[in-house]
Amino acid sequence: MSTLESFMCMSGAAVLVTYTLYVITKHKLAFTVPLCCFGLFRYMMLVKRGGSGDPTDSFLKGPVLFVVGALWIVIVGFSTY
């Protein structure tokens, strides 16, 4: 594993831990963690396969990430309001 891949894994882990700690304080959003975990792992998989590193490009052109993002928006929207 290269240094850049190691940094990507460490950054991904830090993002998941930070997001999880944040949503635990908001009890309504704790069930969004698996969805975010899946989305992050999917994005990392696409980048490792040689896809675009641009998250916006991956989100708009990848149907799986688009559905994950749309589901997250709907769940957070209904939970918040």
PDB file of N, CA and C in Angstrom:
ATOM      1  N   MET A   1       0.853  -1.174   0.000  1.00  0.00           N
ATOM      2  CA  MET A   1       0.000   0.000   0.000  1.00  0.00           C
ATOM      3  C   MET A   1       0.899   1.236   0.000  1.00  0.00           C
ATOM      4  N   SER A   2       0.594   2.157  -0.884  1.00  0.00           N
ATOM      5  CA  SER A   2       1.411   3.358  -0.990  1.00  0.00           C
ATOM      6  C   SER A   2       1.076   4.339   0.131  1.00  0.00           C
ATOM      7  N   THR A   3       1.916   5.329   0.257  1.00  0.00           N
ATOM      8  CA  THR A   3       1.712   6.344   1.289  1.00  0.00           C
ATOM      9  C   THR A   3       0.411   7.094   1.054  1.00  0.00           C
ATOM     10  N   LEU A   4       0.118   7.415  -0.187  1.00  0.00           N
ATOM     11  CA  LEU A   4      -1.113   8.143  -0.503  1.00  0.00           C
ATOM     12  C   LEU A   4      -2.351   7.317  -0.154  1.00  0.00           C
ATOM     13  N   GLU A   5      -2.325   6.018  -0.426  1.00  0.00           N
ATOM     14  CA  GLU A   5      -3.443   5.153  -0.063  1.00  0.00           C
ATOM     15  C   GLU A   5      -3.592   5.069   1.447  1.00  0.00           C
ATOM     16  N   SER A   6      -2.490   5.046   2.161  1.00  0.00           N
ATOM     17  CA  SER A   6      -2.543   5.029   3.629  1.00  0.00           C
ATOM     18  C   SER A   6      -3.175   6.303   4.161  1.00  0.00           C
ATOM     19  N   PHE A   7      -2.797   7.437   3.586  1.00  0.00           N
ATOM     20  CA  PHE A   7      -3.389   8.706   4.003  1.00  0.00           C
ATOM     21  C   PHE A   7      -4.882   8.745   3.696  1.00  0.00           C
ATOM     22  N   MET A   8      -5.275   8.172   2.558  1.00  0.00           N
ATOM     23  CA  MET A   8      -6.685   8.136   2.198  1.00  0.00           C
ATOM     24  C   MET A   8      -7.473   7.290   3.203  1.00  0.00           C
ATOM     25  N   CYS A   9      -6.926   6.164   3.607  1.00  0.00           N
ATOM     26  CA  CYS A   9      -7.600   5.303   4.589  1.00  0.00           C
ATOM     27  C   CYS A   9      -7.693   5.980   5.951  1.00  0.00           C
ATOM     28  N   MET A  10      -6.622   6.635   6.369  1.00  0.00           N
ATOM     29  CA  MET A  10      -6.644   7.335   7.656  1.00  0.00           C
ATOM     30  C   MET A  10      -7.638   8.495   7.636  1.00  0.00           C
ATOM     31  N   SER A  11      -7.693   9.223   6.538  1.00  0.00           N
ATOM     32  CA  SER A  11      -8.640  10.335   6.420  1.00  0.00           C
ATOM     33  C   SER A  11     -10.076   9.822   6.420  1.00  0.00           C
ATOM     34  N   GLY A  12     -10.317   8.722   5.724  1.00  0.00           N
ATOM     35  CA  GLY A  12     -11.651   8.125   5.710  1.00  0.00           C
ATOM     36  C   GLY A  12     -12.080   7.676   7.094  1.00  0.00           C
ATOM     37  N   ALA A  13     -11.163   7.069   7.830  1.00  0.00           N
ATOM     38  CA  ALA A  13     -11.475   6.634   9.192  1.00  0.00           C
ATOM     39  C   ALA A  13     -11.769   7.839  10.089  1.00  0.00           C
ATOM     40  N   ALA A  14     -10.994   8.902   9.937  1.00  0.00           N
ATOM     41  CA  ALA A  14     -11.221  10.103  10.740  1.00  0.00           C
ATOM     42  C   ALA A  14     -12.575  10.734  10.418  1.00  0.00           C
ATOM     43  N   VAL A  15     -12.946  10.729   9.145  1.00  0.00           N
ATOM     44  CA  VAL A  15     -14.249  11.271   8.742  1.00  0.00           C
ATOM     45  C   VAL A  15     -15.377  10.451   9.365  1.00  0.00           C
ATOM     46  N   LEU A  16     -15.267   9.126   9.298  1.00  0.00           N
ATOM     47  CA  LEU A  16     -16.320   8.274   9.869  1.00  0.00           C
ATOM     48  C   LEU A  16     -16.445   8.447  11.379  1.00  0.00           C
ATOM     49  N   VAL A  17     -15.324   8.514  12.076  1.00  0.00           N
ATOM     50  CA  VAL A  17     -15.362   8.691  13.529  1.00  0.00           C
ATOM     51  C   VAL A  17     -15.964  10.040  13.891  1.00  0.00           C
ATOM     52  N   THR A  18     -15.535  11.083  13.199  1.00  0.00           N
ATOM     53  CA  THR A  18     -16.061  12.421  13.477  1.00  0.00           C
ATOM     54  C   THR A  18     -17.551  12.505  13.186  1.00  0.00           C
ATOM     55  N   TYR A  19     -17.977  11.984  12.056  1.00  0.00           N
ATOM     56  CA  TYR A  19     -19.406  12.007  11.709  1.00  0.00           C
ATOM     57  C   TYR A  19     -20.215  11.197  12.716  1.00  0.00           C
ATOM     58  N   THR A  20     -19.709  10.028  13.094  1.00  0.00           N
ATOM     59  CA  THR A  20     -20.422   9.186  14.055  1.00  0.00           C
ATOM     60  C   THR A  20     -20.563   9.888  15.397  1.00  0.00           C
ATOM     61  N   LEU A  21     -19.510  10.505  15.880  1.00  0.00           N
ATOM     62  CA  LEU A  21     -19.586  11.231  17.155  1.00  0.00           C
ATOM     63  C   LEU A  21     -20.558  12.397  17.064  1.00  0.00           C
ATOM     64  N   TYR A  22     -20.602  13.054  15.930  1.00  0.00           N
ATOM     65  CA  TYR A  22     -21.532  14.169  15.753  1.00  0.00           C
ATOM     66  C   TYR A  22     -22.981  13.695  15.760  1.00  0.00           C
ATOM     67  N   VAL A  23     -23.284  12.645  15.004  1.00  0.00           N
ATOM     68  CA  VAL A  23     -24.684  12.225  14.906  1.00  0.00           C
ATOM     69  C   VAL A  23     -25.162  11.497  16.161  1.00  0.00           C
ATOM     70  N   ILE A  24     -24.249  10.974  16.948  1.00  0.00           N
ATOM     71  CA  ILE A  24     -24.675  10.356  18.208  1.00  0.00           C
ATOM     72  C   ILE A  24     -25.257  11.418  19.137  1.00  0.00           C
ATOM     73  N   THR A  25     -24.729  12.646  19.068  1.00  0.00           N
ATOM     74  CA  THR A  25     -25.291  13.714  19.896  1.00  0.00           C
ATOM     75  C   THR A  25     -26.673  14.125  19.400  1.00  0.00           C
ATOM     76  N   LYS A  26     -26.931  13.915  18.124  1.00  0.00           N
ATOM     77  CA  LYS A  26     -28.258  14.154  17.544  1.00  0.00           C
ATOM     78  C   LYS A  26     -28.916  12.783  17.391  1.00  0.00           C
ATOM     79  N   HIS A  27     -29.637  12.333  18.378  1.00  0.00           N
ATOM     80  CA  HIS A  27     -30.115  10.952  18.439  1.00  0.00           C
ATOM     81  C   HIS A  27     -30.939  10.537  17.221  1.00  0.00           C
ATOM     82  N   LYS A  28     -31.553  11.476  16.556  1.00  0.00           N
ATOM     83  CA  LYS A  28     -32.377  11.124  15.400  1.00  0.00           C
ATOM     84  C   LYS A  28     -31.545  10.700  14.196  1.00  0.00           C
ATOM     85  N   LEU A  29     -30.286  11.112  14.135  1.00  0.00           N
ATOM     86  CA  LEU A  29     -29.477  10.883  12.942  1.00  0.00           C
ATOM     87  C   LEU A  29     -28.510   9.712  13.067  1.00  0.00           C
ATOM     88  N   ALA A  30     -28.529   8.981  14.160  1.00  0.00           N
ATOM     89  CA  ALA A  30     -27.554   7.909  14.369  1.00  0.00           C
ATOM     90  C   ALA A  30     -27.681   6.799  13.327  1.00  0.00           C
ATOM     91  N   PHE A  31     -28.851   6.598  12.767  1.00  0.00           N
ATOM     92  CA  PHE A  31     -29.039   5.519  11.798  1.00  0.00           C
ATOM     93  C   PHE A  31     -28.555   5.895  10.400  1.00  0.00           C
ATOM     94  N   THR A  32     -28.020   7.107  10.223  1.00  0.00           N
ATOM     95  CA  THR A  32     -27.453   7.486   8.933  1.00  0.00           C
ATOM     96  C   THR A  32     -25.989   7.071   8.807  1.00  0.00           C
ATOM     97  N   VAL A  33     -25.397   6.599   9.897  1.00  0.00           N
ATOM     98  CA  VAL A  33     -23.976   6.214   9.876  1.00  0.00           C
ATOM     99  C   VAL A  33     -23.704   5.084   8.881  1.00  0.00           C
ATOM    100  N   PRO A  34     -24.481   3.992   8.857  1.00  0.00           N
ATOM    101  CA  PRO A  34     -24.190   2.941   7.869  1.00  0.00           C
ATOM    102  C   PRO A  34     -24.297   3.430   6.425  1.00  0.00           C
ATOM    103  N   LEU A  35     -25.218   4.328   6.155  1.00  0.00           N
ATOM    104  CA  LEU A  35     -25.367   4.880   4.813  1.00  0.00           C
ATOM    105  C   LEU A  35     -24.136   5.698   4.430  1.00  0.00           C
ATOM    106  N   CYS A  36     -23.650   6.512   5.336  1.00  0.00           N
ATOM    107  CA  CYS A  36     -22.444   7.302   5.073  1.00  0.00           C
ATOM    108  C   CYS A  36     -21.217   6.402   4.955  1.00  0.00           C
ATOM    109  N   CYS A  37     -21.162   5.370   5.760  1.00  0.00           N
ATOM    110  CA  CYS A  37     -20.055   4.419   5.704  1.00  0.00           C
ATOM    111  C   CYS A  37     -20.027   3.743   4.331  1.00  0.00           C
ATOM    112  N   PHE A  38     -21.169   3.302   3.859  1.00  0.00           N
ATOM    113  CA  PHE A  38     -21.244   2.680   2.544  1.00  0.00           C
ATOM    114  C   PHE A  38     -20.829   3.656   1.451  1.00  0.00           C
ATOM    115  N   GLY A  39     -21.324   4.891   1.522  1.00  0.00           N
ATOM    116  CA  GLY A  39     -20.982   5.890   0.520  1.00  0.00           C
ATOM    117  C   GLY A  39     -19.493   6.198   0.487  1.00  0.00           C
ATOM    118  N   LEU A  40     -18.891   6.308   1.657  1.00  0.00           N
ATOM    119  CA  LEU A  40     -17.459   6.580   1.719  1.00  0.00           C
ATOM    120  C   LEU A  40     -16.648   5.414   1.179  1.00  0.00           C
ATOM    121  N   PHE A  41     -17.016   4.190   1.553  1.00  0.00           N
ATOM    122  CA  PHE A  41     -16.300   3.018   1.051  1.00  0.00           C
ATOM    123  C   PHE A  41     -16.464   2.865  -0.453  1.00  0.00           C
ATOM    124  N   ARG A  42     -17.636   3.170  -0.953  1.00  0.00           N
ATOM    125  CA  ARG A  42     -17.879   3.089  -2.401  1.00  0.00           C
ATOM    126  C   ARG A  42     -17.010   4.104  -3.142  1.00  0.00           C
ATOM    127  N   TYR A  43     -16.930   5.324  -2.602  1.00  0.00           N
ATOM    128  CA  TYR A  43     -16.110   6.352  -3.222  1.00  0.00           C
ATOM    129  C   TYR A  43     -14.635   5.951  -3.200  1.00  0.00           C
ATOM    130  N   MET A  44     -14.173   5.421  -2.083  1.00  0.00           N
ATOM    131  CA  MET A  44     -12.780   4.994  -1.985  1.00  0.00           C
ATOM    132  C   MET A  44     -12.492   3.855  -2.964  1.00  0.00           C
ATOM    133  N   MET A  45     -13.447   2.956  -3.138  1.00  0.00           N
ATOM    134  CA  MET A  45     -13.278   1.868  -4.083  1.00  0.00           C
ATOM    135  C   MET A  45     -13.165   2.403  -5.519  1.00  0.00           C
ATOM    136  N   LEU A  46     -14.000   3.371  -5.866  1.00  0.00           N
ATOM    137  CA  LEU A  46     -13.947   3.957  -7.205  1.00  0.00           C
ATOM    138  C   LEU A  46     -12.615   4.662  -7.451  1.00  0.00           C
ATOM    139  N   VAL A  47     -12.106   5.343  -6.436  1.00  0.00           N
ATOM    140  CA  VAL A  47     -10.826   6.036  -6.584  1.00  0.00           C
ATOM    141  C   VAL A  47      -9.696   5.026  -6.738  1.00  0.00           C
ATOM    142  N   LYS A  48      -9.722   3.944  -5.954  1.00  0.00           N
ATOM    143  CA  LYS A  48      -8.667   2.930  -6.059  1.00  0.00           C
ATOM    144  C   LYS A  48      -8.688   2.211  -7.404  1.00  0.00           C
ATOM    145  N   ARG A  49      -9.857   2.109  -8.022  1.00  0.00           N
ATOM    146  CA  ARG A  49      -9.965   1.471  -9.341  1.00  0.00           C
ATOM    147  C   ARG A  49      -9.459   2.367 -10.459  1.00  0.00           C
ATOM    148  N   GLY A  50      -9.117   3.593 -10.131  1.00  0.00           N
ATOM    149  CA  GLY A  50      -8.602   4.504 -11.142  1.00  0.00           C
ATOM    150  C   GLY A  50      -9.626   5.494 -11.641  1.00  0.00           C
ATOM    151  N   GLY A  51     -10.746   5.597 -10.948  1.00  0.00           N
ATOM    152  CA  GLY A  51     -11.766   6.553 -11.354  1.00  0.00           C
ATOM    153  C   GLY A  51     -11.371   7.968 -10.989  1.00  0.00           C
ATOM    154  N   SER A  52     -12.237   8.884 -11.305  1.00  0.00           N
ATOM    155  CA  SER A  52     -11.982  10.289 -11.019  1.00  0.00           C
ATOM    156  C   SER A  52     -11.932  10.517  -9.511  1.00  0.00           C
ATOM    157  N   GLY A  53     -11.014  11.334  -9.071  1.00  0.00           N
ATOM    158  CA  GLY A  53     -10.922  11.660  -7.656  1.00  0.00           C
ATOM    159  C   GLY A  53     -11.831  12.804  -7.265  1.00  0.00           C
ATOM    160  N   ASP A  54     -12.513  13.388  -8.245  1.00  0.00           N
ATOM    161  CA  ASP A  54     -13.416  14.502  -7.976  1.00  0.00           C
ATOM    162  C   ASP A  54     -14.711  13.963  -7.373  1.00  0.00           C
ATOM    163  N   PRO A  55     -15.020  14.300  -6.111  1.00  0.00           N
ATOM    164  CA  PRO A  55     -16.226  13.753  -5.489  1.00  0.00           C
ATOM    165  C   PRO A  55     -17.514  14.192  -6.181  1.00  0.00           C
ATOM    166  N   THR A  56     -17.538  15.403  -6.701  1.00  0.00           N
ATOM    167  CA  THR A  56     -18.744  15.868  -7.391  1.00  0.00           C
ATOM    168  C   THR A  56     -18.974  15.071  -8.660  1.00  0.00           C
ATOM    169  N   ASP A  57     -17.918  14.819  -9.392  1.00  0.00           N
ATOM    170  CA  ASP A  57     -18.007  14.033 -10.618  1.00  0.00           C
ATOM    171  C   ASP A  57     -18.458  12.604 -10.298  1.00  0.00           C
ATOM    172  N   SER A  58     -17.886  12.022  -9.255  1.00  0.00           N
ATOM    173  CA  SER A  58     -18.273  10.658  -8.855  1.00  0.00           C
ATOM    174  C   SER A  58     -19.723  10.609  -8.403  1.00  0.00           C
ATOM    175  N   PHE A  59     -20.158  11.641  -7.699  1.00  0.00           N
ATOM    176  CA  PHE A  59     -21.528  11.694  -7.201  1.00  0.00           C
ATOM    177  C   PHE A  59     -22.539  11.834  -8.335  1.00  0.00           C
ATOM    178  N   LEU A  60     -22.249  12.695  -9.283  1.00  0.00           N
ATOM    179  CA  LEU A  60     -23.208  12.955 -10.359  1.00  0.00           C
ATOM    180  C   LEU A  60     -23.218  11.885 -11.437  1.00  0.00           C
ATOM    181  N   LYS A  61     -22.069  11.240 -11.685  1.00  0.00           N
ATOM    182  CA  LYS A  61     -22.003  10.243 -12.756  1.00  0.00           C
ATOM    183  C   LYS A  61     -22.166   8.813 -12.267  1.00  0.00           C
ATOM    184  N   GLY A  62     -22.030   8.597 -10.958  1.00  0.00           N
ATOM    185  CA  GLY A  62     -22.184   7.254 -10.410  1.00  0.00           C
ATOM    186  C   GLY A  62     -23.574   7.070  -9.831  1.00  0.00           C
ATOM    187  N   PRO A  63     -24.363   6.179 -10.392  1.00  0.00           N
ATOM    188  CA  PRO A  63     -25.739   6.025  -9.910  1.00  0.00           C
ATOM    189  C   PRO A  63     -25.818   5.558  -8.458  1.00  0.00           C
ATOM    190  N   VAL A  64     -24.876   4.736  -8.020  1.00  0.00           N
ATOM    191  CA  VAL A  64     -24.925   4.229  -6.645  1.00  0.00           C
ATOM    192  C   VAL A  64     -24.689   5.371  -5.659  1.00  0.00           C
ATOM    193  N   LEU A  65     -23.659   6.171  -5.888  1.00  0.00           N
ATOM    194  CA  LEU A  65     -23.390   7.295  -4.990  1.00  0.00           C
ATOM    195  C   LEU A  65     -24.499   8.335  -5.046  1.00  0.00           C
ATOM    196  N   PHE A  66     -25.100   8.513  -6.215  1.00  0.00           N
ATOM    197  CA  PHE A  66     -26.208   9.459  -6.328  1.00  0.00           C
ATOM    198  C   PHE A  66     -27.396   9.010  -5.488  1.00  0.00           C
ATOM    199  N   VAL A  67     -27.709   7.721  -5.531  1.00  0.00           N
ATOM    200  CA  VAL A  67     -28.825   7.190  -4.736  1.00  0.00           C
ATOM    201  C   VAL A  67     -28.510   7.283  -3.244  1.00  0.00           C
ATOM    202  N   VAL A  68     -27.279   6.971  -2.866  1.00  0.00           N
ATOM    203  CA  VAL A  68     -26.885   7.076  -1.454  1.00  0.00           C
ATOM    204  C   VAL A  68     -27.011   8.519  -0.972  1.00  0.00           C
ATOM    205  N   GLY A  69     -26.545   9.466  -1.777  1.00  0.00           N
ATOM    206  CA  GLY A  69     -26.661  10.876  -1.406  1.00  0.00           C
ATOM    207  C   GLY A  69     -28.103  11.338  -1.318  1.00  0.00           C
ATOM    208  N   ALA A  70     -28.923  10.915  -2.269  1.00  0.00           N
ATOM    209  CA  ALA A  70     -30.340  11.293  -2.249  1.00  0.00           C
ATOM    210  C   ALA A  70     -31.049  10.693  -1.038  1.00  0.00           C
ATOM    211  N   LEU A  71     -30.750   9.428  -0.720  1.00  0.00           N
ATOM    212  CA  LEU A  71     -31.346   8.810   0.470  1.00  0.00           C
ATOM    213  C   LEU A  71     -30.930   9.538   1.739  1.00  0.00           C
ATOM    214  N   TRP A  72     -29.653   9.912   1.819  1.00  0.00           N
ATOM    215  CA  TRP A  72     -29.176  10.627   2.995  1.00  0.00           C
ATOM    216  C   TRP A  72     -29.919  11.953   3.154  1.00  0.00           C
ATOM    217  N   ILE A  73     -30.093  12.687   2.043  1.00  0.00           N
ATOM    218  CA  ILE A  73     -30.802  13.968   2.095  1.00  0.00           C
ATOM    219  C   ILE A  73     -32.247  13.765   2.550  1.00  0.00           C
ATOM    220  N   VAL A  74     -32.907  12.745   2.019  1.00  0.00           N
ATOM    221  CA  VAL A  74     -34.299  12.491   2.404  1.00  0.00           C
ATOM    222  C   VAL A  74     -34.395  12.108   3.880  1.00  0.00           C
ATOM    223  N   ILE A  75     -33.530  11.221   4.343  1.00  0.00           N
ATOM    224  CA  ILE A  75     -33.571  10.775   5.745  1.00  0.00           C
ATOM    225  C   ILE A  75     -33.288  11.927   6.685  1.00  0.00           C
ATOM    226  N   VAL A  76     -32.274  12.712   6.402  1.00  0.00           N
ATOM    227  CA  VAL A  76     -31.938  13.839   7.265  1.00  0.00           C
ATOM    228  C   VAL A  76     -33.043  14.888   7.210  1.00  0.00           C
ATOM    229  N   GLY A  77     -33.600  15.109   6.046  1.00  0.00           N
ATOM    230  CA  GLY A  77     -34.697  16.063   5.926  1.00  0.00           C
ATOM    231  C   GLY A  77     -35.903  15.671   6.752  1.00  0.00           C
ATOM    232  N   PHE A  78     -36.311  14.404   6.677  1.00  0.00           N
ATOM    233  CA  PHE A  78     -37.452  13.954   7.461  1.00  0.00           C
ATOM    234  C   PHE A  78     -37.143  13.893   8.950  1.00  0.00           C
ATOM    235  N   SER A  79     -35.929  13.575   9.313  1.00  0.00           N
ATOM    236  CA  SER A  79     -35.564  13.485  10.725  1.00  0.00           C
ATOM    237  C   SER A  79     -35.440  14.850  11.377  1.00  0.00           C
ATOM    238  N   THR A  80     -35.016  15.824  10.598  1.00  0.00           N
ATOM    239  CA  THR A  80     -34.783  17.159  11.152  1.00  0.00           C
ATOM    240  C   THR A  80     -36.077  17.953  11.256  1.00  0.00           C
ATOM    241  N   TYR A  81     -36.950  17.818  10.258  1.00  0.00           N
ATOM    242  CA  TYR A  81     -38.153  18.629  10.238  1.00  0.00           C
ATOM    243  C   TYR A  81     -39.382  17.849  10.497  1.00  0.00           C
TER     244      TYR A  81
END
